[in-house]
Protein backbone atom coordinates (compact mmCIF):
# COMPACT_ATOMS: atom_id res chain seq x y z
CA MET A 1 -11.99 312.66 12.98
CA PHE A 2 -10.26 314.60 10.19
CA ALA A 3 -8.32 312.47 7.71
CA LYS A 4 -4.74 313.48 7.00
CA PRO A 5 -3.78 314.20 3.38
CA THR A 6 -2.37 311.45 1.20
CA HIS A 7 0.54 311.59 -1.22
CA ASP A 8 -1.74 311.58 -4.27
CA GLN A 9 -3.82 314.41 -2.84
CA ALA A 10 -0.68 316.43 -2.12
CA MET A 11 0.65 315.89 -5.66
CA ALA A 12 -2.66 316.98 -7.21
CA LEU A 13 -2.47 320.13 -5.12
CA ALA A 14 1.16 320.61 -6.18
CA ALA A 15 -0.11 320.61 -9.78
CA VAL A 16 -2.46 323.47 -8.84
CA PHE A 17 0.46 325.41 -7.35
CA GLN A 18 2.63 324.74 -10.39
CA ALA A 19 0.02 326.12 -12.80
CA CYS A 20 -0.46 329.17 -10.56
CA HIS A 21 3.30 329.74 -10.47
CA LEU A 22 3.41 329.70 -14.27
CA VAL A 23 0.55 332.22 -14.32
CA ASP A 24 2.55 334.48 -12.01
CA GLN A 25 5.66 334.14 -14.18
CA LEU A 26 3.81 335.00 -17.38
CA ALA A 27 2.06 337.94 -15.73
CA ASN A 28 5.29 339.46 -14.48
CA THR A 29 7.92 338.46 -17.05
CA GLY A 30 6.00 337.37 -20.13
CA GLU A 31 7.83 334.02 -20.05
CA ALA A 32 7.38 330.60 -18.45
CA SER A 33 8.77 327.09 -18.84
CA THR A 34 7.54 325.50 -22.07
CA GLU A 35 7.97 322.02 -20.62
CA GLU A 36 5.93 322.82 -17.52
CA MET A 37 3.20 324.42 -19.61
CA GLU A 38 3.04 321.23 -21.68
CA VAL A 39 2.50 319.21 -18.50
CA CYS A 40 -0.33 321.51 -17.42
CA ILE A 41 -2.08 321.59 -20.80
CA GLY A 42 -1.62 317.86 -21.29
CA ALA A 43 -3.32 317.21 -17.94
CA LEU A 44 -6.14 319.60 -18.81
CA LEU A 45 -6.87 317.77 -22.05
CA ASN A 46 -6.72 314.30 -20.46
CA GLN A 47 -10.30 313.77 -19.31
CA ASP A 48 -10.03 310.08 -18.48
CA PRO A 49 -6.67 309.37 -16.81
CA GLU A 50 -5.93 306.01 -15.26
CA SER A 51 -3.48 307.39 -12.69
CA LEU A 52 -1.51 310.46 -11.67
CA VAL A 53 1.34 309.21 -13.83
CA ASP A 54 -1.03 309.00 -16.79
CA LEU A 55 -2.09 312.59 -16.11
CA TYR A 56 1.19 314.31 -15.27
CA GLY A 57 3.88 311.85 -16.24
CA SER A 58 6.79 311.43 -13.83
CA GLU A 59 6.48 313.21 -10.50
CA GLU A 60 9.61 315.08 -11.54
CA ASN A 61 7.31 317.04 -13.84
CA LEU A 62 5.62 318.55 -10.78
CA GLN A 63 8.73 319.45 -8.79
CA THR A 64 8.18 323.19 -9.27
CA GLY A 65 4.74 322.81 -7.72
CA VAL A 66 6.17 320.69 -4.92
CA ALA A 67 8.80 323.33 -4.19
CA ALA A 68 6.19 326.11 -4.24
CA MET A 69 3.93 324.22 -1.84
CA THR A 70 6.80 323.38 0.48
CA LEU A 71 7.81 327.02 0.77
CA LEU A 72 4.40 328.68 0.74
CA LEU A 73 2.71 326.27 3.15
CA GLY A 74 5.75 325.97 5.39
CA GLU A 75 7.34 328.47 7.71
CA HIS A 76 10.27 329.39 5.52
CA LYS A 77 11.32 333.01 5.79
CA GLY A 78 12.89 335.12 3.11
CA ASN A 79 11.32 333.19 0.23
CA ASP A 80 12.55 334.79 -2.99
CA LEU A 81 11.58 331.93 -5.30
CA PHE A 82 7.80 331.98 -5.16
CA SER A 83 5.44 334.91 -4.73
CA SER A 84 2.82 334.66 -2.00
CA ILE A 85 0.23 335.53 -4.67
CA ILE A 86 0.55 331.92 -5.84
CA LEU A 87 -1.06 330.78 -2.59
CA VAL A 88 -3.85 333.32 -3.08
CA TYR A 89 -4.43 332.05 -6.61
CA GLY A 90 -4.40 328.44 -5.43
CA ILE A 91 -7.00 328.97 -2.71
CA SER A 92 -9.19 330.89 -5.17
CA ILE A 93 -8.89 328.03 -7.67
CA LEU A 94 -10.16 325.54 -5.08
CA SER A 95 -13.16 327.78 -4.45
CA ILE A 96 -13.86 328.18 -8.17
CA GLU A 97 -13.71 324.41 -8.65
CA ARG A 98 -16.41 323.95 -5.99
CA GLN A 99 -18.64 326.45 -7.78
CA LEU A 100 -18.04 324.74 -11.10
CA ASN A 101 -18.79 321.31 -9.67
CA SER A 102 -22.32 322.44 -8.85
CA ARG A 103 -23.04 323.40 -12.48
CA PRO A 104 -23.55 320.21 -14.52
CA VAL A 105 -24.54 322.05 -17.71
CA MET A 106 -21.34 324.09 -17.64
CA LEU A 107 -19.30 320.96 -16.93
CA LYS A 108 -20.88 319.29 -19.96
CA ASN A 109 -20.02 322.29 -22.14
CA ILE A 110 -16.46 322.25 -20.85
CA ALA A 111 -16.09 318.53 -21.57
CA GLU A 112 -17.26 319.06 -25.15
CA GLY A 113 -14.92 322.03 -25.57
CA ILE A 114 -11.98 320.08 -24.17
CA ASP A 115 -12.69 317.25 -26.61
CA ASN A 116 -12.49 319.75 -29.45
CA ALA A 117 -9.24 321.22 -28.10
CA THR A 118 -7.79 317.72 -27.76
CA ARG A 119 -8.43 316.98 -31.42
CA GLN A 120 -6.86 320.32 -32.29
CA ALA A 121 -3.78 319.55 -30.18
CA GLU A 122 -3.39 316.21 -31.95
CA ARG A 123 -3.30 318.08 -35.24
CA PHE A 124 -0.91 320.80 -34.10
CA SER A 125 0.67 320.46 -30.62
CA LEU A 126 -0.24 320.89 -26.96
CA ILE A 127 1.18 324.41 -26.85
CA HIS A 128 0.29 325.65 -30.32
CA ASP A 129 -1.12 329.19 -30.48
CA ASN A 130 -4.38 327.89 -31.95
CA VAL A 131 -4.82 325.47 -29.05
CA PHE A 132 -4.16 328.23 -26.51
CA ALA A 133 -6.69 330.48 -28.23
CA ASN A 134 -9.32 327.72 -28.27
CA ILE A 135 -8.91 326.78 -24.60
CA ALA A 136 -8.75 330.43 -23.51
CA GLY A 137 -12.00 331.11 -25.36
CA LEU A 138 -13.64 328.16 -23.61
CA TYR A 139 -12.40 329.51 -20.27
CA GLN A 140 -13.97 332.91 -20.98
CA GLN A 141 -17.28 331.34 -21.98
CA THR A 142 -17.50 329.16 -18.87
CA ILE A 143 -15.31 329.68 -15.81
CA SER A 144 -15.03 333.44 -16.32
CA THR A 145 -18.81 333.70 -15.94
CA LEU A 146 -18.79 332.29 -12.39
CA ARG A 147 -19.38 334.59 -9.46
CA GLN A 148 -15.80 334.34 -8.22
CA ARG A 149 -13.03 335.30 -10.60
CA ILE A 150 -9.27 335.47 -10.28
CA GLN A 151 -7.76 338.89 -10.77
CA VAL A 152 -4.26 338.17 -12.03
CA LYS A 153 -1.69 340.70 -10.89
CA GLY A 154 1.39 341.53 -12.91
CA ASN A 155 3.00 343.86 -15.40
CA PRO A 156 0.38 345.50 -17.69
CA ILE A 157 2.88 345.31 -20.54
CA TYR A 158 2.51 341.53 -20.51
CA LEU A 159 -1.07 341.21 -19.30
CA GLN A 160 -2.31 343.30 -22.22
CA GLN A 161 -0.67 341.06 -24.82
CA PRO A 162 -3.37 338.73 -26.25
CA GLY A 163 -1.03 335.73 -26.57
CA ILE A 164 0.11 335.96 -22.96
CA ALA A 165 -3.43 336.57 -21.71
CA GLU A 166 -4.54 333.40 -23.53
CA ARG A 167 -1.77 331.35 -21.95
CA ILE A 168 -2.69 332.65 -18.51
CA ARG A 169 -6.33 331.65 -18.99
CA CYS A 170 -5.24 328.19 -20.17
CA LEU A 171 -3.05 327.71 -17.10
CA LEU A 172 -5.83 328.84 -14.77
CA PHE A 173 -8.04 326.29 -16.52
CA ALA A 174 -5.37 323.64 -15.93
CA ALA A 175 -5.22 324.63 -12.25
CA VAL A 176 -8.99 324.15 -11.96
CA ARG A 177 -8.62 320.72 -13.57
CA SER A 178 -6.04 319.71 -10.96
CA ALA A 179 -8.25 321.14 -8.20
CA PHE A 180 -11.03 318.89 -9.52
CA LEU A 181 -8.68 315.91 -9.14
CA TRP A 182 -7.64 317.08 -5.66
CA ARG A 183 -11.29 317.00 -4.56
CA GLN A 184 -11.93 313.65 -6.29
CA LEU A 185 -9.04 312.15 -4.33
CA GLY A 186 -10.52 313.43 -1.06
CA GLY A 187 -8.68 316.73 -0.72
CA LYS A 188 -10.40 319.13 1.68
CA ARG A 189 -10.01 322.82 2.50
CA TYR A 190 -9.24 321.94 6.11
CA HIS A 191 -6.04 320.28 4.89
CA LEU A 192 -4.76 323.76 4.05
CA VAL A 193 -5.82 325.08 7.44
CA ILE A 194 -4.88 322.45 10.00
CA TYR A 195 -2.72 320.01 8.05
CA ARG A 196 -0.19 322.20 6.26
CA LYS A 197 2.80 320.36 7.70
CA ALA A 198 1.14 317.02 6.93
CA LEU A 199 0.62 318.13 3.34
CA ILE A 200 4.30 318.94 3.03
CA ARG A 201 5.27 315.57 4.51
CA ALA A 202 2.80 313.81 2.19
CA LEU A 203 4.61 315.30 -0.81
CA GLN A 204 7.71 313.36 0.14
CA ASN A 205 6.01 310.05 1.04
C-alpha cells in the first residue's frame, strides 16, 4: 500500500520548487528575490537541522515554492506565474539527488566543502559574492560531474554572466539539498505520479 505524502514532505518539495523558480528567474531576467535566495543558501549550509523551521525558518519563507507546486502539480490552466520548466528542473533534481546519494566519497567532499562555505558565510554573509563563488565551484567539482546534468534554459545575456551563473549553480545545489531532505522524510517519486492532489492538500495541512 502506497503511503500518502505528509506535510513535512510536501514542504521539503516546495523548497525544491522554490529554488528552481529562482533559477528560472535568474536565467531569464538576471534578477531574483534576495530574501528567498537567503532562505535557500541558509538551508544549504545547515547540515544538521533539528526541524524544518530550523532549516527554512517560518513556512512563510517557502510560500513561493508552495504556490509553484500548487499551480504546476494541479490542473490550473493559463498559468502565467510559473514556467513549466520549473517542474522539469524539480524532477531532474530528484533524480540527481538519488545519484548523489549512492556516492559516499562525493557526499563526504560536499560536506567538507559546505563546512568551508559556512565559515566563509559567517565572515561575510549568506549571499556574498565570495560565498556564491565558493559554493558554485564546489557544485562544478561534484554534482556537475554526475551522469545527469540540468541544462538551464534562459536568456544567454544573463546565463553568460559569471555572477549569475554562480548564483544559478548555488540555487541548484540548494534544490538538491532540499531533495535530500524530501527523501529522508520519506518522499517518493510515485508521490509526483499518483498523489499530486494529495501533495497539494498536504501543503495546506
